[in-house]
């Protein structure tokens, strides 16, 4: 079954308030990061859905074409990591 990952980001020049908040928070913790942008990721599996149909979903419902861009990736089914993916951590202390 085809699987897709859609990465949606604000267009350059559109105020990214969430990105600014994350950047300020990281600076407060001592991390010198710049250019933080916050977006969203949508993953799903669907039989008979083409990449063009996924693009149509983005344009009509998943994203706001006036202020957002999107990137469509074909992936492995949910629950398995795409090739080249490296686990980063569990998010908690051991």
N, C-alpha and C. Protein backbone atom coordinates (compact mmCIF):
# COMPACT_ATOMS: atom_id res chain seq x y z
N UNK A 1 0.86 -1.17 0.00
CA UNK A 1 0.00 0.00 0.00
C UNK A 1 0.91 1.24 0.00
N UNK A 2 0.65 2.19 -0.88
CA UNK A 2 1.47 3.41 -0.90
C UNK A 2 1.34 4.20 0.40
N UNK A 3 2.46 4.76 0.82
CA UNK A 3 2.48 5.60 2.02
C UNK A 3 3.11 6.93 1.66
N UNK A 4 2.62 7.98 2.28
CA UNK A 4 3.09 9.33 1.96
C UNK A 4 3.38 10.10 3.24
N UNK A 5 4.35 10.98 3.16
CA UNK A 5 4.64 11.95 4.21
C UNK A 5 4.57 13.33 3.55
N UNK A 6 3.83 14.22 4.14
CA UNK A 6 3.71 15.59 3.63
C UNK A 6 4.30 16.52 4.69
N UNK A 7 5.23 17.35 4.26
CA UNK A 7 5.84 18.34 5.15
C UNK A 7 5.32 19.71 4.71
N UNK A 8 4.62 20.39 5.60
CA UNK A 8 4.01 21.68 5.30
C UNK A 8 4.72 22.76 6.12
N UNK A 9 5.16 23.81 5.43
CA UNK A 9 5.87 24.92 6.09
C UNK A 9 5.28 26.24 5.62
N UNK A 10 5.44 27.26 6.45
CA UNK A 10 5.04 28.60 6.02
C UNK A 10 5.98 29.07 4.92
N UNK A 11 5.45 29.83 3.99
CA UNK A 11 6.28 30.39 2.92
C UNK A 11 7.28 31.38 3.51
N UNK A 12 8.43 31.53 2.84
CA UNK A 12 9.38 32.55 3.30
C UNK A 12 8.70 33.92 3.31
N UNK A 13 8.97 34.69 4.34
CA UNK A 13 8.36 36.02 4.47
C UNK A 13 7.09 36.04 5.29
N UNK A 14 6.49 34.87 5.53
CA UNK A 14 5.30 34.80 6.38
C UNK A 14 5.76 34.68 7.82
N UNK A 15 5.23 35.51 8.70
CA UNK A 15 5.63 35.50 10.11
C UNK A 15 5.40 34.12 10.70
N UNK A 16 6.44 33.55 11.27
CA UNK A 16 6.37 32.24 11.92
C UNK A 16 6.48 32.45 13.43
N UNK A 17 5.35 32.77 14.06
CA UNK A 17 5.34 33.07 15.49
C UNK A 17 5.79 31.86 16.31
N UNK A 18 5.37 30.68 15.93
CA UNK A 18 5.78 29.47 16.66
C UNK A 18 7.29 29.27 16.53
N UNK A 19 7.83 29.47 15.35
CA UNK A 19 9.27 29.35 15.15
C UNK A 19 10.04 30.34 15.99
N UNK A 20 9.53 31.57 16.07
CA UNK A 20 10.18 32.59 16.89
C UNK A 20 10.14 32.22 18.37
N UNK A 21 9.03 31.66 18.83
CA UNK A 21 8.90 31.25 20.23
C UNK A 21 9.87 30.12 20.55
N UNK A 22 9.98 29.15 19.64
CA UNK A 22 10.92 28.05 19.85
C UNK A 22 12.35 28.58 19.87
N UNK A 23 12.67 29.48 18.96
CA UNK A 23 14.01 30.04 18.91
C UNK A 23 14.35 30.78 20.21
N UNK A 24 13.40 31.59 20.71
CA UNK A 24 13.62 32.31 21.97
C UNK A 24 13.83 31.33 23.13
N UNK A 25 13.03 30.27 23.16
CA UNK A 25 13.16 29.27 24.21
C UNK A 25 14.50 28.56 24.17
N UNK A 26 14.95 28.22 22.98
CA UNK A 26 16.25 27.56 22.85
C UNK A 26 17.38 28.50 23.23
N UNK A 27 17.26 29.77 22.87
CA UNK A 27 18.26 30.76 23.28
C UNK A 27 18.30 30.86 24.80
N UNK A 28 17.13 30.87 25.44
CA UNK A 28 17.07 30.96 26.90
C UNK A 28 17.75 29.76 27.56
N UNK A 29 17.76 28.63 26.88
CA UNK A 29 18.42 27.43 27.40
C UNK A 29 19.90 27.37 27.04
N UNK A 30 20.37 28.41 26.32
CA UNK A 30 21.79 28.47 25.98
C UNK A 30 22.16 27.90 24.63
N UNK A 31 21.18 27.57 23.81
CA UNK A 31 21.45 27.05 22.46
C UNK A 31 21.43 28.19 21.46
N UNK A 32 22.52 28.38 20.74
CA UNK A 32 22.61 29.46 19.77
C UNK A 32 22.08 29.05 18.41
N UNK A 33 20.77 28.98 18.28
CA UNK A 33 20.16 28.58 17.01
C UNK A 33 19.54 29.79 16.34
N UNK A 34 19.49 29.76 15.04
CA UNK A 34 18.89 30.84 14.25
C UNK A 34 18.00 30.25 13.17
N UNK A 35 17.07 31.05 12.69
CA UNK A 35 16.24 30.66 11.56
C UNK A 35 15.30 29.51 11.85
N UNK A 36 14.81 29.41 13.07
CA UNK A 36 13.91 28.31 13.44
C UNK A 36 12.58 28.49 12.73
N UNK A 37 12.10 27.45 12.09
CA UNK A 37 10.79 27.43 11.43
C UNK A 37 10.03 26.22 11.96
N UNK A 38 8.76 26.39 12.22
CA UNK A 38 7.92 25.31 12.72
C UNK A 38 6.89 24.99 11.64
N UNK A 39 6.73 23.71 11.36
CA UNK A 39 5.76 23.28 10.36
C UNK A 39 4.97 22.10 10.88
N UNK A 40 4.38 21.37 9.97
CA UNK A 40 3.63 20.18 10.36
C UNK A 40 3.94 19.05 9.39
N UNK A 41 3.81 17.83 9.89
CA UNK A 41 4.04 16.63 9.09
C UNK A 41 2.78 15.78 9.16
N UNK A 42 2.34 15.33 8.00
CA UNK A 42 1.17 14.45 7.91
C UNK A 42 1.61 13.19 7.20
N UNK A 43 1.33 12.04 7.79
CA UNK A 43 1.66 10.75 7.18
C UNK A 43 0.39 9.92 7.05
N UNK A 44 0.29 9.21 5.94
CA UNK A 44 -0.85 8.30 5.76
C UNK A 44 -0.55 7.25 4.71
N UNK A 45 -1.35 6.20 4.73
CA UNK A 45 -1.31 5.15 3.72
C UNK A 45 -2.65 5.15 3.00
N UNK A 46 -2.62 4.84 1.71
CA UNK A 46 -3.88 4.81 0.96
C UNK A 46 -3.70 4.01 -0.32
N UNK A 47 -4.58 3.07 -0.55
CA UNK A 47 -4.57 2.30 -1.80
C UNK A 47 -5.09 3.16 -2.93
N UNK A 48 -4.46 3.08 -4.07
CA UNK A 48 -4.95 3.74 -5.27
C UNK A 48 -4.78 5.25 -5.28
N UNK A 49 -4.00 5.80 -4.37
CA UNK A 49 -3.79 7.25 -4.32
C UNK A 49 -2.45 7.56 -4.99
N UNK A 50 -2.48 8.48 -5.93
CA UNK A 50 -1.26 8.87 -6.63
C UNK A 50 -0.63 10.10 -5.98
N UNK A 51 0.62 10.35 -6.33
CA UNK A 51 1.31 11.54 -5.84
C UNK A 51 0.55 12.81 -6.27
N UNK A 52 0.01 12.81 -7.49
CA UNK A 52 -0.78 13.96 -7.96
C UNK A 52 -2.02 14.18 -7.10
N UNK A 53 -2.66 13.07 -6.70
CA UNK A 53 -3.85 13.19 -5.84
C UNK A 53 -3.46 13.75 -4.47
N UNK A 54 -2.30 13.36 -3.96
CA UNK A 54 -1.83 13.89 -2.68
C UNK A 54 -1.58 15.40 -2.81
N UNK A 55 -1.00 15.81 -3.93
CA UNK A 55 -0.81 17.25 -4.18
C UNK A 55 -2.13 17.99 -4.19
N UNK A 56 -3.14 17.38 -4.77
CA UNK A 56 -4.47 17.98 -4.79
C UNK A 56 -5.04 18.09 -3.36
N UNK A 57 -4.82 17.04 -2.55
CA UNK A 57 -5.27 17.09 -1.15
C UNK A 57 -4.63 18.27 -0.43
N UNK A 58 -3.35 18.48 -0.68
CA UNK A 58 -2.64 19.60 -0.03
C UNK A 58 -3.24 20.93 -0.46
N UNK A 59 -3.42 21.09 -1.75
CA UNK A 59 -3.91 22.37 -2.28
C UNK A 59 -5.34 22.67 -1.85
N UNK A 60 -6.15 21.62 -1.68
CA UNK A 60 -7.57 21.83 -1.40
C UNK A 60 -7.93 21.77 0.08
N UNK A 61 -7.08 21.09 0.91
CA UNK A 61 -7.51 20.88 2.29
C UNK A 61 -6.39 20.90 3.33
N UNK A 62 -5.28 20.22 3.07
CA UNK A 62 -4.26 20.04 4.10
C UNK A 62 -3.41 21.28 4.35
N UNK A 63 -3.23 22.11 3.35
CA UNK A 63 -2.39 23.30 3.50
C UNK A 63 -3.16 24.52 3.01
N UNK A 64 -2.65 25.69 3.36
CA UNK A 64 -3.20 26.94 2.87
C UNK A 64 -2.23 27.46 1.79
N UNK A 65 -2.55 27.28 0.52
CA UNK A 65 -1.62 27.65 -0.56
C UNK A 65 -1.22 29.13 -0.56
N UNK A 66 -1.98 29.97 0.10
CA UNK A 66 -1.63 31.39 0.14
C UNK A 66 -0.41 31.65 1.02
N UNK A 67 -0.26 30.86 2.08
CA UNK A 67 0.83 31.13 3.02
C UNK A 67 1.73 29.93 3.29
N UNK A 68 1.39 28.76 2.74
CA UNK A 68 2.18 27.56 3.03
C UNK A 68 2.66 26.87 1.76
N UNK A 69 3.79 26.19 1.91
CA UNK A 69 4.30 25.31 0.85
C UNK A 69 4.27 23.89 1.39
N UNK A 70 4.36 22.91 0.50
CA UNK A 70 4.39 21.53 0.96
C UNK A 70 5.34 20.72 0.11
N UNK A 71 5.84 19.67 0.74
CA UNK A 71 6.72 18.70 0.07
C UNK A 71 6.13 17.32 0.31
N UNK A 72 5.99 16.56 -0.75
CA UNK A 72 5.41 15.21 -0.67
C UNK A 72 6.53 14.20 -0.80
N UNK A 73 6.58 13.26 0.14
CA UNK A 73 7.56 12.19 0.10
C UNK A 73 6.82 10.86 0.08
N UNK A 74 7.25 9.95 -0.77
CA UNK A 74 6.71 8.60 -0.73
C UNK A 74 7.55 7.83 0.27
N UNK A 75 6.90 7.16 1.22
CA UNK A 75 7.60 6.50 2.32
C UNK A 75 7.21 5.03 2.41
N UNK A 76 7.77 4.38 3.41
CA UNK A 76 7.39 3.01 3.70
C UNK A 76 6.12 3.06 4.56
N UNK A 77 5.40 1.95 4.65
CA UNK A 77 4.17 1.95 5.47
C UNK A 77 4.46 2.37 6.91
N UNK A 78 3.45 2.92 7.57
CA UNK A 78 3.56 3.38 8.95
C UNK A 78 4.10 2.26 9.83
N UNK A 79 4.96 2.67 10.75
CA UNK A 79 5.52 1.70 11.68
C UNK A 79 6.91 1.24 11.29
N UNK A 80 7.34 1.55 10.08
CA UNK A 80 8.69 1.22 9.68
C UNK A 80 9.38 2.49 9.24
N UNK A 81 10.63 2.61 9.57
CA UNK A 81 11.38 3.82 9.25
C UNK A 81 11.83 3.79 7.79
N UNK A 82 11.77 4.93 7.11
CA UNK A 82 12.28 5.00 5.74
C UNK A 82 13.79 4.73 5.72
N UNK A 83 14.28 4.28 4.61
CA UNK A 83 15.70 4.02 4.46
C UNK A 83 16.50 5.27 4.80
N UNK A 84 17.56 5.10 5.56
CA UNK A 84 18.41 6.23 5.92
C UNK A 84 17.97 6.96 7.18
N UNK A 85 16.86 6.55 7.77
CA UNK A 85 16.39 7.20 8.98
C UNK A 85 17.20 6.68 10.17
N UNK A 86 17.65 7.60 11.01
CA UNK A 86 18.43 7.22 12.19
C UNK A 86 17.65 7.64 13.42
N UNK A 87 17.38 6.70 14.35
CA UNK A 87 16.70 7.08 15.58
C UNK A 87 17.54 8.07 16.37
N UNK A 88 16.91 9.11 16.91
CA UNK A 88 17.64 10.15 17.62
C UNK A 88 17.59 9.91 19.12
N UNK A 89 16.52 9.47 19.63
CA UNK A 89 16.40 9.26 21.08
C UNK A 89 14.96 8.98 21.44
N UNK A 90 14.76 8.71 22.70
CA UNK A 90 13.41 8.37 23.15
C UNK A 90 12.70 9.56 23.76
N UNK A 91 13.41 10.66 23.94
CA UNK A 91 12.79 11.84 24.50
C UNK A 91 12.74 11.86 26.01
N UNK A 92 13.31 10.85 26.66
CA UNK A 92 13.31 10.84 28.11
C UNK A 92 14.66 10.41 28.65
N UNK A 93 14.84 10.60 29.92
CA UNK A 93 16.09 10.19 30.55
C UNK A 93 16.08 8.70 30.78
N UNK A 94 17.26 8.12 30.68
CA UNK A 94 17.38 6.66 30.87
C UNK A 94 17.45 6.32 32.34
